[in-house]
Amino acid sequence: MGEIDEAIERADREAFTREPPKTLPARINYLLKQLGTAKAVGAELGVTADSVNRYRRGARKHPPKDITAKIDAAVRSRWQPRVRKRRRKQAASAGGITVETRARFGYTAPIGTTDDGRFRRLTVHLPAAYAQRLFDARDAGAGDQELRQIIAEGFKDIYFQDGGSRATGISDVAINDIDYLDLDF
């Protein structure tokens, strides 16, 4: 999972109206309700169906750390799908997304100007059209590089060119060496 995918997941988790189940049996029961069988849950987590049943009834209380992380990720990825969908729809139709990052930005500029990349700390609100493109690309299975390019285009239009009122000679903006990236929608 790339940096942008992780940022979208973090933003999704911030939208939860209730916390996901905390105890191991409650998490396993939730996954059983979502996936149907212990065998399906076991396949998702990389354990046997017997292990899933032991976790569910409390016979095994402390799974290995990697299995605990898989259980947590599986629960959180399925938790409150309607809340996530509603927030994404709102961001893609009217609200847009706010991108906060510290990364190296470079761009292609006319001869005689500096286009050397440098680290910048930016917080930029991108319009709903960029949110829609980002969500559509992610749902289509786009890689991290393609998602970065969508955000870079938004930065070019909104930050560098200020909606077309300045720096009109900039043709391509590239985001490299991301130190951190956070999304809010």
C-alpha atoms as a PDB file:
ATOM      1  CA  MET A   1       0.000   0.000   0.000  1.00  0.00           C
ATOM      2  CA  GLY A   2       1.408   3.345  -1.019  1.00  0.00           C
ATOM      3  CA  GLU A   3       1.650   6.564   0.932  1.00  0.00           C
ATOM      4  CA  ILE A   4      -1.470   8.044  -0.638  1.00  0.00           C
ATOM      5  CA  ASP A   5      -3.532   4.895  -0.023  1.00  0.00           C
ATOM      6  CA  GLU A   6      -2.491   5.005   3.623  1.00  0.00           C
ATOM      7  CA  ALA A   7      -3.429   8.692   3.855  1.00  0.00           C
ATOM      8  CA  ILE A   8      -6.883   7.959   2.420  1.00  0.00           C
ATOM      9  CA  GLU A   9      -7.328   5.103   4.907  1.00  0.00           C
ATOM     10  CA  ARG A  10      -6.351   7.396   7.809  1.00  0.00           C
ATOM     11  CA  ALA A  11      -8.842  10.012   6.621  1.00  0.00           C
ATOM     12  CA  ASP A  12     -11.521   7.314   6.404  1.00  0.00           C
ATOM     13  CA  ARG A  13     -10.818   6.194   9.974  1.00  0.00           C
ATOM     14  CA  GLU A  14     -11.207   9.760  11.224  1.00  0.00           C
ATOM     15  CA  ALA A  15     -14.801   9.689   9.924  1.00  0.00           C
ATOM     16  CA  PHE A  16     -15.933   6.811  12.146  1.00  0.00           C
ATOM     17  CA  THR A  17     -18.908   7.732  14.313  1.00  0.00           C
ATOM     18  CA  ARG A  18     -18.263   4.763  16.592  1.00  0.00           C
ATOM     19  CA  GLU A  19     -15.087   2.923  17.427  1.00  0.00           C
ATOM     20  CA  PRO A  20     -14.629  -0.567  15.971  1.00  0.00           C
ATOM     21  CA  PRO A  21     -14.729  -3.549  18.361  1.00  0.00           C
ATOM     22  CA  LYS A  22     -11.797  -3.619  20.768  1.00  0.00           C
ATOM     23  CA  THR A  23     -11.631  -7.147  22.191  1.00  0.00           C
ATOM     24  CA  LEU A  24     -10.328 -10.072  20.172  1.00  0.00           C
ATOM     25  CA  PRO A  25     -13.565 -12.140  20.393  1.00  0.00           C
ATOM     26  CA  ALA A  26     -15.650  -9.115  19.374  1.00  0.00           C
ATOM     27  CA  ARG A  27     -13.404  -8.445  16.383  1.00  0.00           C
ATOM     28  CA  ILE A  28     -13.531 -12.076  15.284  1.00  0.00           C
ATOM     29  CA  ASN A  29     -17.332 -12.134  15.693  1.00  0.00           C
ATOM     30  CA  TYR A  30     -17.578  -8.999  13.558  1.00  0.00           C
ATOM     31  CA  LEU A  31     -15.429 -10.581  10.839  1.00  0.00           C
ATOM     32  CA  LEU A  32     -17.507 -13.765  11.010  1.00  0.00           C
ATOM     33  CA  LYS A  33     -20.647 -11.685  10.527  1.00  0.00           C
ATOM     34  CA  GLN A  34     -19.077  -9.891   7.546  1.00  0.00           C
ATOM     35  CA  LEU A  35     -17.451 -12.876   5.821  1.00  0.00           C
ATOM     36  CA  GLY A  36     -19.847 -15.660   6.820  1.00  0.00           C
ATOM     37  CA  THR A  37     -17.597 -18.558   7.825  1.00  0.00           C
ATOM     38  CA  ALA A  38     -14.574 -19.239   9.981  1.00  0.00           C
ATOM     39  CA  LYS A  39     -12.870 -20.650   6.902  1.00  0.00           C
ATOM     40  CA  ALA A  40     -13.325 -17.340   5.024  1.00  0.00           C
ATOM     41  CA  VAL A  41     -12.050 -15.352   8.012  1.00  0.00           C
ATOM     42  CA  GLY A  42      -9.086 -17.722   8.326  1.00  0.00           C
ATOM     43  CA  ALA A  43      -8.255 -17.288   4.643  1.00  0.00           C
ATOM     44  CA  GLU A  44      -8.393 -13.499   5.085  1.00  0.00           C
ATOM     45  CA  LEU A  45      -6.082 -13.603   8.102  1.00  0.00           C
ATOM     46  CA  GLY A  46      -3.778 -16.410   6.999  1.00  0.00           C
ATOM     47  CA  VAL A  47      -4.743 -18.809   9.809  1.00  0.00           C
ATOM     48  CA  THR A  48      -6.853 -21.954  10.039  1.00  0.00           C
ATOM     49  CA  ALA A  49     -10.588 -21.994  10.714  1.00  0.00           C
ATOM     50  CA  ASP A  50      -9.834 -23.751  14.029  1.00  0.00           C
ATOM     51  CA  SER A  51      -7.636 -20.834  15.088  1.00  0.00           C
ATOM     52  CA  VAL A  52     -10.428 -18.419  14.223  1.00  0.00           C
ATOM     53  CA  ASN A  53     -12.844 -20.403  16.408  1.00  0.00           C
ATOM     54  CA  ARG A  54     -10.310 -20.487  19.249  1.00  0.00           C
ATOM     55  CA  TYR A  55      -9.943 -16.695  19.049  1.00  0.00           C
ATOM     56  CA  ARG A  56     -13.722 -16.308  18.968  1.00  0.00           C
ATOM     57  CA  ARG A  57     -14.438 -18.337  22.072  1.00  0.00           C
ATOM     58  CA  GLY A  58     -11.395 -17.053  23.976  1.00  0.00           C
ATOM     59  CA  ALA A  59      -9.357 -20.264  24.056  1.00  0.00           C
ATOM     60  CA  ARG A  60      -6.486 -18.338  22.429  1.00  0.00           C
ATOM     61  CA  LYS A  61      -6.267 -14.821  23.774  1.00  0.00           C
ATOM     62  CA  HIS A  62      -2.991 -13.546  22.353  1.00  0.00           C
ATOM     63  CA  PRO A  63      -2.414 -14.143  18.642  1.00  0.00           C
ATOM     64  CA  PRO A  64       1.006 -13.312  17.153  1.00  0.00           C
ATOM     65  CA  LYS A  65       1.617  -9.639  16.396  1.00  0.00           C
ATOM     66  CA  ASP A  66       1.315 -10.064  12.632  1.00  0.00           C
ATOM     67  CA  ILE A  67      -2.041 -11.837  12.995  1.00  0.00           C
ATOM     68  CA  THR A  68      -3.231  -9.142  15.420  1.00  0.00           C
ATOM     69  CA  ALA A  69      -2.325  -6.497  12.852  1.00  0.00           C
ATOM     70  CA  LYS A  70      -4.194  -8.409  10.117  1.00  0.00           C
ATOM     71  CA  ILE A  71      -7.279  -8.715  12.337  1.00  0.00           C
ATOM     72  CA  ASP A  72      -7.174  -4.993  13.081  1.00  0.00           C
ATOM     73  CA  ALA A  73      -6.760  -4.078   9.410  1.00  0.00           C
ATOM     74  CA  ALA A  74      -9.556  -6.435   8.308  1.00  0.00           C
ATOM     75  CA  VAL A  75     -11.994  -5.008  10.861  1.00  0.00           C
ATOM     76  CA  ARG A  76     -11.126  -1.373  10.142  1.00  0.00           C
ATOM     77  CA  SER A  77     -11.355  -1.847   6.373  1.00  0.00           C
ATOM     78  CA  ARG A  78     -14.940  -3.114   6.726  1.00  0.00           C
ATOM     79  CA  TRP A  79     -16.096  -0.853   9.562  1.00  0.00           C
ATOM     80  CA  GLN A  80     -18.894   1.653   8.813  1.00  0.00           C
ATOM     81  CA  PRO A  81     -18.859   1.484   5.015  1.00  0.00           C
ATOM     82  CA  ARG A  82     -21.852   3.821   4.658  1.00  0.00           C
ATOM     83  CA  VAL A  83     -20.131   6.547   6.699  1.00  0.00           C
ATOM     84  CA  ARG A  84     -17.052   6.264   4.471  1.00  0.00           C
ATOM     85  CA  LYS A  85     -19.119   6.298   1.299  1.00  0.00           C
ATOM     86  CA  ARG A  86     -21.079   9.363   2.437  1.00  0.00           C
ATOM     87  CA  ARG A  87     -17.917  11.312   3.304  1.00  0.00           C
ATOM     88  CA  ARG A  88     -16.227  10.426   0.030  1.00  0.00           C
ATOM     89  CA  LYS A  89     -19.331  11.380  -1.945  1.00  0.00           C
ATOM     90  CA  GLN A  90     -19.489  14.723  -0.138  1.00  0.00           C
ATOM     91  CA  ALA A  91     -15.772  15.375  -0.796  1.00  0.00           C
ATOM     92  CA  ALA A  92     -16.091  14.418  -4.452  1.00  0.00           C
ATOM     93  CA  SER A  93     -19.216  16.481  -5.093  1.00  0.00           C
ATOM     94  CA  ALA A  94     -18.758  19.656  -3.064  1.00  0.00           C
ATOM     95  CA  GLY A  95     -16.189  19.658  -0.286  1.00  0.00           C
ATOM     96  CA  GLY A  96     -12.937  18.666  -1.934  1.00  0.00           C
ATOM     97  CA  ILE A  97      -9.901  17.429  -0.033  1.00  0.00           C
ATOM     98  CA  THR A  98      -7.177  19.102   1.955  1.00  0.00           C
ATOM     99  CA  VAL A  99      -3.680  17.766   1.352  1.00  0.00           C
ATOM    100  CA  GLU A 100      -0.959  18.479   3.895  1.00  0.00           C
ATOM    101  CA  THR A 101       2.508  17.341   2.926  1.00  0.00           C
ATOM    102  CA  ARG A 102       6.214  17.906   3.165  1.00  0.00           C
ATOM    103  CA  ALA A 103       7.849  16.709  -0.006  1.00  0.00           C
ATOM    104  CA  ARG A 104      10.271  17.638  -2.740  1.00  0.00           C
ATOM    105  CA  PHE A 105       8.447  19.450  -5.531  1.00  0.00           C
ATOM    106  CA  GLY A 106       9.936  19.950  -8.936  1.00  0.00           C
ATOM    107  CA  TYR A 107       8.395  21.315 -12.095  1.00  0.00           C
ATOM    108  CA  THR A 108       9.116  22.012 -15.712  1.00  0.00           C
ATOM    109  CA  ALA A 109       9.403  25.764 -16.288  1.00  0.00           C
ATOM    110  CA  PRO A 110      10.433  28.067 -19.138  1.00  0.00           C
ATOM    111  CA  ILE A 111      14.120  28.688 -19.856  1.00  0.00           C
ATOM    112  CA  GLY A 112      15.583  31.379 -17.658  1.00  0.00           C
ATOM    113  CA  THR A 113      13.604  30.440 -14.544  1.00  0.00           C
ATOM    114  CA  THR A 114      14.563  28.097 -11.751  1.00  0.00           C
ATOM    115  CA  ASP A 115      12.906  24.735 -11.787  1.00  0.00           C
ATOM    116  CA  ASP A 116      15.145  23.009  -9.247  1.00  0.00           C
ATOM    117  CA  GLY A 117      13.129  20.780  -6.956  1.00  0.00           C
ATOM    118  CA  ARG A 118      13.113  21.651  -3.266  1.00  0.00           C
ATOM    119  CA  PHE A 119      11.378  20.551  -0.125  1.00  0.00           C
ATOM    120  CA  ARG A 120       8.193  22.448   0.633  1.00  0.00           C
ATOM    121  CA  ARG A 121       5.672  22.108   3.404  1.00  0.00           C
ATOM    122  CA  LEU A 122       2.266  22.702   1.862  1.00  0.00           C
ATOM    123  CA  THR A 123      -1.330  22.576   3.019  1.00  0.00           C
ATOM    124  CA  VAL A 124      -3.577  23.005   0.001  1.00  0.00           C
ATOM    125  CA  HIS A 125      -7.323  22.544  -0.374  1.00  0.00           C
ATOM    126  CA  LEU A 126      -8.037  20.839  -3.698  1.00  0.00           C
ATOM    127  CA  PRO A 127     -11.493  21.185  -5.289  1.00  0.00           C
ATOM    128  CA  ALA A 128     -14.014  18.367  -5.497  1.00  0.00           C
ATOM    129  CA  ALA A 129     -12.980  17.449  -9.057  1.00  0.00           C
ATOM    130  CA  TYR A 130      -9.549  16.333  -7.819  1.00  0.00           C
ATOM    131  CA  ALA A 131     -11.131  14.369  -4.970  1.00  0.00           C
ATOM    132  CA  GLN A 132     -13.353  12.587  -7.489  1.00  0.00           C
ATOM    133  CA  ARG A 133     -10.389  11.785  -9.744  1.00  0.00           C
ATOM    134  CA  LEU A 134      -8.364  10.531  -6.768  1.00  0.00           C
ATOM    135  CA  PHE A 135     -11.145   8.242  -5.488  1.00  0.00           C
ATOM    136  CA  ASP A 136     -11.951   6.951  -8.983  1.00  0.00           C
ATOM    137  CA  ALA A 137      -8.300   6.159  -9.702  1.00  0.00           C
ATOM    138  CA  ARG A 138      -7.861   4.441  -6.339  1.00  0.00           C
ATOM    139  CA  ASP A 139     -11.009   2.354  -6.835  1.00  0.00           C
ATOM    140  CA  ALA A 140      -9.741   1.376 -10.297  1.00  0.00           C
ATOM    141  CA  GLY A 141      -6.543   0.031  -8.707  1.00  0.00           C
ATOM    142  CA  ALA A 142      -4.184   2.833  -9.674  1.00  0.00           C
ATOM    143  CA  GLY A 143      -0.681   2.721  -8.275  1.00  0.00           C
ATOM    144  CA  ASP A 144       0.850   5.230  -5.891  1.00  0.00           C
ATOM    145  CA  GLN A 145       2.636   7.040  -8.739  1.00  0.00           C
ATOM    146  CA  GLU A 146      -0.630   7.720 -10.566  1.00  0.00           C
ATOM    147  CA  LEU A 147      -2.270   8.972  -7.348  1.00  0.00           C
ATOM    148  CA  ARG A 148       0.722  11.247  -6.752  1.00  0.00           C
ATOM    149  CA  GLN A 149       0.321  12.638 -10.258  1.00  0.00           C
ATOM    150  CA  ILE A 150      -3.318  13.568  -9.614  1.00  0.00           C
ATOM    151  CA  ILE A 151      -2.330  15.412  -6.435  1.00  0.00           C
ATOM    152  CA  ALA A 152       0.601  17.060  -8.250  1.00  0.00           C
ATOM    153  CA  GLU A 153      -1.757  18.331 -10.968  1.00  0.00           C
ATOM    154  CA  GLY A 154      -3.996  19.775  -8.267  1.00  0.00           C
ATOM    155  CA  PHE A 155      -1.016  21.503  -6.646  1.00  0.00           C
ATOM    156  CA  LYS A 156       0.031  22.887 -10.030  1.00  0.00           C
ATOM    157  CA  ASP A 157      -3.404  24.368 -10.699  1.00  0.00           C
ATOM    158  CA  ILE A 158      -4.243  25.595  -7.203  1.00  0.00           C
ATOM    159  CA  TYR A 159      -0.912  26.393  -5.533  1.00  0.00           C
ATOM    160  CA  PHE A 160       1.685  27.092  -8.207  1.00  0.00           C
ATOM    161  CA  GLN A 161      -0.553  28.690 -10.831  1.00  0.00           C
ATOM    162  CA  ASP A 162      -3.210  30.053  -8.445  1.00  0.00           C
ATOM    163  CA  GLY A 163      -6.026  29.034 -10.770  1.00  0.00           C
ATOM    164  CA  GLY A 164      -4.284  30.388 -13.878  1.00  0.00           C
ATOM    165  CA  SER A 165      -3.380  33.844 -12.598  1.00  0.00           C
ATOM    166  CA  ARG A 166       0.381  33.265 -12.256  1.00  0.00           C
ATOM    167  CA  ALA A 167       3.217  30.940 -13.286  1.00  0.00           C
ATOM    168  CA  THR A 168       1.386  29.907 -16.424  1.00  0.00           C
ATOM    169  CA  GLY A 169       4.627  28.603 -17.968  1.00  0.00           C
ATOM    170  CA  ILE A 170       4.819  25.659 -15.558  1.00  0.00           C
ATOM    171  CA  SER A 171       3.877  22.527 -17.426  1.00  0.00           C
ATOM    172  CA  ASP A 172       4.570  19.561 -15.129  1.00  0.00           C
ATOM    173  CA  VAL A 173       4.788  19.335 -11.358  1.00  0.00           C
ATOM    174  CA  ALA A 174       6.285  16.261  -9.718  1.00  0.00           C
ATOM    175  CA  ILE A 175       6.105  15.166  -6.087  1.00  0.00           C
ATOM    176  CA  ASN A 176       9.173  13.236  -4.941  1.00  0.00           C
ATOM    177  CA  ASP A 177      10.693  12.220  -1.606  1.00  0.00           C
ATOM    178  CA  ILE A 178       7.489  12.509   0.426  1.00  0.00           C
ATOM    179  CA  ASP A 179       8.403  13.102   4.064  1.00  0.00           C
ATOM    180  CA  TYR A 180       4.777  12.907   5.189  1.00  0.00           C
ATOM    181  CA  LEU A 181       1.392  13.243   3.554  1.00  0.00           C
ATOM    182  CA  ASP A 182      -2.002  13.623   5.196  1.00  0.00           C
ATOM    183  CA  LEU A 183      -5.434  13.969   3.622  1.00  0.00           C
ATOM    184  CA  ASP A 184      -8.607  15.352   5.113  1.00  0.00           C
ATOM    185  CA  PHE A 185     -12.022  15.299   3.504  1.00  0.00           C
END
